[in-house]
Amino acid sequence: MGSFSAWHWIIVLVVILIVFGAGKLPKVMGDVAQGVKNFKKGMAEDDTQPEKPAPLAEAPKPDPQPERRQS
């Protein structure tokens, strides 16, 4: 259960090549890189936009109490 050796990584790479094929691998890695790039861009845009305060909700008004009649 220790760390992975070089043989583990070689086997993982061979399995990836078999699954995706040598022709599709550059396209898949390009798509992954584009996704990471868009994620970082979105995170940077999120930091630059000032936060708008949430509108305050009005407190619910209590139901009017019925008048008590004295008898």
PDB file of N, CA and C in Angstrom:
ATOM      1  N   MET A   1       0.815  -1.197   0.000  1.00  0.00           N
ATOM      2  CA  MET A   1       0.000   0.000   0.000  1.00  0.00           C
ATOM      3  C   MET A   1       0.857   1.258   0.000  1.00  0.00           C
ATOM      4  N   GLY A   2       2.136   1.118  -0.286  1.00  0.00           N
ATOM      5  CA  GLY A   2       3.045   2.259  -0.275  1.00  0.00           C
ATOM      6  C   GLY A   2       2.888   3.103  -1.521  1.00  0.00           C
ATOM      7  N   SER A   3       3.941   3.838  -1.821  1.00  0.00           N
ATOM      8  CA  SER A   3       3.901   4.698  -3.001  1.00  0.00           C
ATOM      9  C   SER A   3       4.056   3.861  -4.270  1.00  0.00           C
ATOM     10  N   PHE A   4       3.726   4.465  -5.373  1.00  0.00           N
ATOM     11  CA  PHE A   4       3.800   3.764  -6.647  1.00  0.00           C
ATOM     12  C   PHE A   4       5.233   3.778  -7.165  1.00  0.00           C
ATOM     13  N   SER A   5       5.664   2.658  -7.701  1.00  0.00           N
ATOM     14  CA  SER A   5       7.001   2.579  -8.288  1.00  0.00           C
ATOM     15  C   SER A   5       6.920   2.948  -9.767  1.00  0.00           C
ATOM     16  N   ALA A   6       8.061   2.954 -10.410  1.00  0.00           N
ATOM     17  CA  ALA A   6       8.113   3.287 -11.835  1.00  0.00           C
ATOM     18  C   ALA A   6       7.331   2.269 -12.656  1.00  0.00           C
ATOM     19  N   TRP A   7       7.344   0.997 -12.245  1.00  0.00           N
ATOM     20  CA  TRP A   7       6.607  -0.038 -12.973  1.00  0.00           C
ATOM     21  C   TRP A   7       5.102   0.207 -12.920  1.00  0.00           C
ATOM     22  N   HIS A   8       4.616   0.684 -11.794  1.00  0.00           N
ATOM     23  CA  HIS A   8       3.184   0.992 -11.692  1.00  0.00           C
ATOM     24  C   HIS A   8       2.799   2.064 -12.710  1.00  0.00           C
ATOM     25  N   TRP A   9       3.619   3.131 -12.795  1.00  0.00           N
ATOM     26  CA  TRP A   9       3.310   4.220 -13.711  1.00  0.00           C
ATOM     27  C   TRP A   9       3.408   3.770 -15.169  1.00  0.00           C
ATOM     28  N   ILE A  10       4.355   2.899 -15.471  1.00  0.00           N
ATOM     29  CA  ILE A  10       4.479   2.379 -16.839  1.00  0.00           C
ATOM     30  C   ILE A  10       3.242   1.575 -17.210  1.00  0.00           C
ATOM     31  N   ILE A  11       2.764   0.748 -16.296  1.00  0.00           N
ATOM     32  CA  ILE A  11       1.554  -0.043 -16.559  1.00  0.00           C
ATOM     33  C   ILE A  11       0.350   0.866 -16.750  1.00  0.00           C
ATOM     34  N   VAL A  12       0.245   1.910 -15.923  1.00  0.00           N
ATOM     35  CA  VAL A  12      -0.871   2.857 -16.062  1.00  0.00           C
ATOM     36  C   VAL A  12      -0.814   3.536 -17.428  1.00  0.00           C
ATOM     37  N   LEU A  13       0.357   3.959 -17.857  1.00  0.00           N
ATOM     38  CA  LEU A  13       0.492   4.609 -19.164  1.00  0.00           C
ATOM     39  C   LEU A  13       0.147   3.666 -20.308  1.00  0.00           C
ATOM     40  N   VAL A  14       0.542   2.404 -20.206  1.00  0.00           N
ATOM     41  CA  VAL A  14       0.211   1.425 -21.245  1.00  0.00           C
ATOM     42  C   VAL A  14      -1.296   1.223 -21.321  1.00  0.00           C
ATOM     43  N   VAL A  15      -1.950   1.125 -20.177  1.00  0.00           N
ATOM     44  CA  VAL A  15      -3.410   0.955 -20.163  1.00  0.00           C
ATOM     45  C   VAL A  15      -4.088   2.176 -20.778  1.00  0.00           C
ATOM     46  N   ILE A  16      -3.607   3.363 -20.465  1.00  0.00           N
ATOM     47  CA  ILE A  16      -4.186   4.581 -21.043  1.00  0.00           C
ATOM     48  C   ILE A  16      -4.004   4.584 -22.559  1.00  0.00           C
ATOM     49  N   LEU A  17      -2.827   4.188 -23.030  1.00  0.00           N
ATOM     50  CA  LEU A  17      -2.603   4.126 -24.479  1.00  0.00           C
ATOM     51  C   LEU A  17      -3.520   3.112 -25.144  1.00  0.00           C
ATOM     52  N   ILE A  18      -3.769   1.996 -24.479  1.00  0.00           N
ATOM     53  CA  ILE A  18      -4.659   0.982 -25.050  1.00  0.00           C
ATOM     54  C   ILE A  18      -6.093   1.497 -25.099  1.00  0.00           C
ATOM     55  N   VAL A  19      -6.526   2.158 -24.025  1.00  0.00           N
ATOM     56  CA  VAL A  19      -7.915   2.628 -23.954  1.00  0.00           C
ATOM     57  C   VAL A  19      -8.155   3.749 -24.959  1.00  0.00           C
ATOM     58  N   PHE A  20      -7.302   4.749 -24.963  1.00  0.00           N
ATOM     59  CA  PHE A  20      -7.534   5.910 -25.814  1.00  0.00           C
ATOM     60  C   PHE A  20      -6.901   5.776 -27.191  1.00  0.00           C
ATOM     61  N   GLY A  21      -5.888   4.987 -27.324  1.00  0.00           N
ATOM     62  CA  GLY A  21      -5.189   4.873 -28.596  1.00  0.00           C
ATOM     63  C   GLY A  21      -4.201   6.008 -28.757  1.00  0.00           C
ATOM     64  N   ALA A  22      -3.154   5.759 -29.520  1.00  0.00           N
ATOM     65  CA  ALA A  22      -2.103   6.766 -29.688  1.00  0.00           C
ATOM     66  C   ALA A  22      -2.612   7.977 -30.469  1.00  0.00           C
ATOM     67  N   GLY A  23      -3.582   7.787 -31.346  1.00  0.00           N
ATOM     68  CA  GLY A  23      -4.094   8.901 -32.145  1.00  0.00           C
ATOM     69  C   GLY A  23      -4.981   9.847 -31.359  1.00  0.00           C
ATOM     70  N   LYS A  24      -5.758   9.312 -30.433  1.00  0.00           N
ATOM     71  CA  LYS A  24      -6.690  10.142 -29.673  1.00  0.00           C
ATOM     72  C   LYS A  24      -6.045  10.800 -28.461  1.00  0.00           C
ATOM     73  N   LEU A  25      -4.931  10.280 -28.004  1.00  0.00           N
ATOM     74  CA  LEU A  25      -4.327  10.769 -26.770  1.00  0.00           C
ATOM     75  C   LEU A  25      -3.976  12.258 -26.822  1.00  0.00           C
ATOM     76  N   PRO A  26      -3.362  12.783 -27.889  1.00  0.00           N
ATOM     77  CA  PRO A  26      -3.088  14.225 -27.921  1.00  0.00           C
ATOM     78  C   PRO A  26      -4.362  15.067 -27.866  1.00  0.00           C
ATOM     79  N   LYS A  27      -5.421  14.613 -28.531  1.00  0.00           N
ATOM     80  CA  LYS A  27      -6.686  15.356 -28.502  1.00  0.00           C
ATOM     81  C   LYS A  27      -7.285  15.348 -27.100  1.00  0.00           C
ATOM     82  N   VAL A  28      -7.239  14.200 -26.440  1.00  0.00           N
ATOM     83  CA  VAL A  28      -7.779  14.098 -25.083  1.00  0.00           C
ATOM     84  C   VAL A  28      -6.995  14.999 -24.142  1.00  0.00           C
ATOM     85  N   MET A  29      -5.670  14.977 -24.240  1.00  0.00           N
ATOM     86  CA  MET A  29      -4.849  15.813 -23.365  1.00  0.00           C
ATOM     87  C   MET A  29      -5.065  17.294 -23.670  1.00  0.00           C
ATOM     88  N   GLY A  30      -5.281  17.634 -24.936  1.00  0.00           N
ATOM     89  CA  GLY A  30      -5.585  19.019 -25.292  1.00  0.00           C
ATOM     90  C   GLY A  30      -6.907  19.465 -24.695  1.00  0.00           C
ATOM     91  N   ASP A  31      -7.898  18.582 -24.714  1.00  0.00           N
ATOM     92  CA  ASP A  31      -9.192  18.904 -24.112  1.00  0.00           C
ATOM     93  C   ASP A  31      -9.065  19.087 -22.603  1.00  0.00           C
ATOM     94  N   VAL A  32      -8.268  18.247 -21.967  1.00  0.00           N
ATOM     95  CA  VAL A  32      -8.051  18.376 -20.520  1.00  0.00           C
ATOM     96  C   VAL A  32      -7.355  19.699 -20.216  1.00  0.00           C
ATOM     97  N   ALA A  33      -6.337  20.035 -21.000  1.00  0.00           N
ATOM     98  CA  ALA A  33      -5.618  21.291 -20.790  1.00  0.00           C
ATOM     99  C   ALA A  33      -6.537  22.487 -20.999  1.00  0.00           C
ATOM    100  N   GLN A  34      -7.403  22.423 -22.001  1.00  0.00           N
ATOM    101  CA  GLN A  34      -8.357  23.512 -22.254  1.00  0.00           C
ATOM    102  C   GLN A  34      -9.330  23.650 -21.091  1.00  0.00           C
ATOM    103  N   GLY A  35      -9.762  22.528 -20.537  1.00  0.00           N
ATOM    104  CA  GLY A  35     -10.660  22.575 -19.388  1.00  0.00           C
ATOM    105  C   GLY A  35     -10.003  23.196 -18.177  1.00  0.00           C
ATOM    106  N   VAL A  36      -8.747  22.852 -17.930  1.00  0.00           N
ATOM    107  CA  VAL A  36      -8.017  23.439 -16.800  1.00  0.00           C
ATOM    108  C   VAL A  36      -7.830  24.935 -17.022  1.00  0.00           C
ATOM    109  N   LYS A  37      -7.522  25.316 -18.253  1.00  0.00           N
ATOM    110  CA  LYS A  37      -7.330  26.730 -18.581  1.00  0.00           C
ATOM    111  C   LYS A  37      -8.621  27.518 -18.358  1.00  0.00           C
ATOM    112  N   ASN A  38      -9.746  26.982 -18.817  1.00  0.00           N
ATOM    113  CA  ASN A  38     -11.032  27.653 -18.622  1.00  0.00           C
ATOM    114  C   ASN A  38     -11.397  27.725 -17.149  1.00  0.00           C
ATOM    115  N   PHE A  39     -11.073  26.685 -16.391  1.00  0.00           N
ATOM    116  CA  PHE A  39     -11.359  26.689 -14.959  1.00  0.00           C
ATOM    117  C   PHE A  39     -10.567  27.787 -14.260  1.00  0.00           C
ATOM    118  N   LYS A  40      -9.282  27.896 -14.576  1.00  0.00           N
ATOM    119  CA  LYS A  40      -8.452  28.935 -13.965  1.00  0.00           C
ATOM    120  C   LYS A  40      -8.942  30.324 -14.360  1.00  0.00           C
ATOM    121  N   LYS A  41      -9.352  30.481 -15.622  1.00  0.00           N
ATOM    122  CA  LYS A  41      -9.863  31.772 -16.088  1.00  0.00           C
ATOM    123  C   LYS A  41     -11.143  32.133 -15.337  1.00  0.00           C
ATOM    124  N   GLY A  42     -12.016  31.157 -15.154  1.00  0.00           N
ATOM    125  CA  GLY A  42     -13.251  31.402 -14.417  1.00  0.00           C
ATOM    126  C   GLY A  42     -12.994  31.762 -12.967  1.00  0.00           C
ATOM    127  N   MET A  43     -12.020  31.107 -12.358  1.00  0.00           N
ATOM    128  CA  MET A  43     -11.686  31.424 -10.969  1.00  0.00           C
ATOM    129  C   MET A  43     -11.103  32.827 -10.860  1.00  0.00           C
ATOM    130  N   ALA A  44     -10.286  33.238 -11.844  1.00  0.00           N
ATOM    131  CA  ALA A  44      -9.703  34.576 -11.827  1.00  0.00           C
ATOM    132  C   ALA A  44     -10.785  35.629 -12.027  1.00  0.00           C
ATOM    133  N   GLU A  45     -11.744  35.373 -12.910  1.00  0.00           N
ATOM    134  CA  GLU A  45     -12.838  36.321 -13.133  1.00  0.00           C
ATOM    135  C   GLU A  45     -13.715  36.431 -11.901  1.00  0.00           C
ATOM    136  N   ASP A  46     -13.873  35.353 -11.192  1.00  0.00           N
ATOM    137  CA  ASP A  46     -14.699  35.366  -9.989  1.00  0.00           C
ATOM    138  C   ASP A  46     -14.073  36.249  -8.920  1.00  0.00           C
ATOM    139  N   ASP A  47     -12.748  36.279  -8.844  1.00  0.00           N
ATOM    140  CA  ASP A  47     -12.069  37.095  -7.843  1.00  0.00           C
ATOM    141  C   ASP A  47     -12.116  38.571  -8.185  1.00  0.00           C
ATOM    142  N   THR A  48     -12.183  38.923  -9.471  1.00  0.00           N
ATOM    143  CA  THR A  48     -12.134  40.323  -9.857  1.00  0.00           C
ATOM    144  C   THR A  48     -13.496  41.002  -9.760  1.00  0.00           C
ATOM    145  N   GLN A  49     -14.572  40.258  -9.771  1.00  0.00           N
ATOM    146  CA  GLN A  49     -15.896  40.860  -9.699  1.00  0.00           C
ATOM    147  C   GLN A  49     -16.239  41.150  -8.243  1.00  0.00           C
ATOM    148  N   PRO A  50     -16.649  42.396  -7.947  1.00  0.00           N
ATOM    149  CA  PRO A  50     -17.013  42.698  -6.560  1.00  0.00           C
ATOM    150  C   PRO A  50     -18.293  41.965  -6.176  1.00  0.00           C
ATOM    151  N   GLU A  51     -18.337  41.607  -4.929  1.00  0.00           N
ATOM    152  CA  GLU A  51     -19.530  40.902  -4.458  1.00  0.00           C
ATOM    153  C   GLU A  51     -20.653  41.905  -4.237  1.00  0.00           C
ATOM    154  N   LYS A  52     -21.821  41.552  -4.707  1.00  0.00           N
ATOM    155  CA  LYS A  52     -22.988  42.386  -4.482  1.00  0.00           C
ATOM    156  C   LYS A  52     -23.662  41.891  -3.213  1.00  0.00           C
ATOM    157  N   PRO A  53     -24.011  42.811  -2.329  1.00  0.00           N
ATOM    158  CA  PRO A  53     -24.666  42.340  -1.103  1.00  0.00           C
ATOM    159  C   PRO A  53     -26.029  41.739  -1.425  1.00  0.00           C
ATOM    160  N   ALA A  54     -26.351  40.710  -0.711  1.00  0.00           N
ATOM    161  CA  ALA A  54     -27.639  40.052  -0.914  1.00  0.00           C
ATOM    162  C   ALA A  54     -28.748  40.987  -0.442  1.00  0.00           C
ATOM    163  N   PRO A  55     -29.854  41.028  -1.170  1.00  0.00           N
ATOM    164  CA  PRO A  55     -30.953  41.892  -0.720  1.00  0.00           C
ATOM    165  C   PRO A  55     -31.486  41.400   0.618  1.00  0.00           C
ATOM    166  N   LEU A  56     -31.767  42.362   1.459  1.00  0.00           N
ATOM    167  CA  LEU A  56     -32.271  42.010   2.780  1.00  0.00           C
ATOM    168  C   LEU A  56     -33.720  41.563   2.677  1.00  0.00           C
ATOM    169  N   ALA A  57     -34.012  40.493   3.315  1.00  0.00           N
ATOM    170  CA  ALA A  57     -35.381  39.985   3.321  1.00  0.00           C
ATOM    171  C   ALA A  57     -36.160  40.713   4.410  1.00  0.00           C
ATOM    172  N   GLU A  58     -37.382  41.053   4.082  1.00  0.00           N
ATOM    173  CA  GLU A  58     -38.213  41.720   5.075  1.00  0.00           C
ATOM    174  C   GLU A  58     -38.673  40.699   6.103  1.00  0.00           C
ATOM    175  N   ALA A  59     -38.724  41.147   7.338  1.00  0.00           N
ATOM    176  CA  ALA A  59     -39.188  40.263   8.403  1.00  0.00           C
ATOM    177  C   ALA A  59     -40.685  40.030   8.214  1.00  0.00           C
ATOM    178  N   PRO A  60     -41.140  38.817   8.414  1.00  0.00           N
ATOM    179  CA  PRO A  60     -42.573  38.562   8.268  1.00  0.00           C
ATOM    180  C   PRO A  60     -43.356  39.326   9.335  1.00  0.00           C
ATOM    181  N   LYS A  61     -44.456  39.881   8.904  1.00  0.00           N
ATOM    182  CA  LYS A  61     -45.288  40.648   9.835  1.00  0.00           C
ATOM    183  C   LYS A  61     -46.141  39.678  10.637  1.00  0.00           C
ATOM    184  N   PRO A  62     -46.253  39.921  11.941  1.00  0.00           N
ATOM    185  CA  PRO A  62     -47.067  39.009  12.756  1.00  0.00           C
ATOM    186  C   PRO A  62     -48.545  39.136  12.396  1.00  0.00           C
ATOM    187  N   ASP A  63     -49.247  38.031  12.540  1.00  0.00           N
ATOM    188  CA  ASP A  63     -50.682  38.044  12.287  1.00  0.00           C
ATOM    189  C   ASP A  63     -51.361  38.913  13.342  1.00  0.00           C
ATOM    190  N   PRO A  64     -52.365  39.690  12.915  1.00  0.00           N
ATOM    191  CA  PRO A  64     -53.057  40.522  13.910  1.00  0.00           C
ATOM    192  C   PRO A  64     -53.784  39.635  14.923  1.00  0.00           C
ATOM    193  N   GLN A  65     -53.680  40.022  16.179  1.00  0.00           N
ATOM    194  CA  GLN A  65     -54.335  39.272  17.246  1.00  0.00           C
ATOM    195  C   GLN A  65     -55.819  39.645  17.280  1.00  0.00           C
ATOM    196  N   PRO A  66     -56.688  38.673  17.443  1.00  0.00           N
ATOM    197  CA  PRO A  66     -58.116  39.005  17.550  1.00  0.00           C
ATOM    198  C   PRO A  66     -58.379  39.769  18.854  1.00  0.00           C
ATOM    199  N   GLU A  67     -59.345  40.657  18.772  1.00  0.00           N
ATOM    200  CA  GLU A  67     -59.671  41.450  19.964  1.00  0.00           C
ATOM    201  C   GLU A  67     -60.359  40.574  20.993  1.00  0.00           C
ATOM    202  N   ARG A  68     -60.021  40.821  22.232  1.00  0.00           N
ATOM    203  CA  ARG A  68     -60.663  40.071  23.314  1.00  0.00           C
ATOM    204  C   ARG A  68     -61.856  40.873  23.809  1.00  0.00           C
ATOM    205  N   ARG A  69     -62.924  40.182  23.972  1.00  0.00           N
ATOM    206  CA  ARG A  69     -64.133  40.836  24.480  1.00  0.00           C
ATOM    207  C   ARG A  69     -64.291  40.509  25.948  1.00  0.00           C
ATOM    208  N   GLN A  70     -64.619  41.509  26.695  1.00  0.00           N
ATOM    209  CA  GLN A  70     -64.866  41.278  28.120  1.00  0.00           C
ATOM    210  C   GLN A  70     -66.348  41.007  28.314  1.00  0.00           C
ATOM    211  N   SER A  71     -66.640  40.030  29.118  1.00  0.00           N
ATOM    212  CA  SER A  71     -68.043  39.744  29.352  1.00  0.00           C
ATOM    213  C   SER A  71     -68.426  39.929  30.788  1.00  0.00           C
TER     214      SER A  71
END
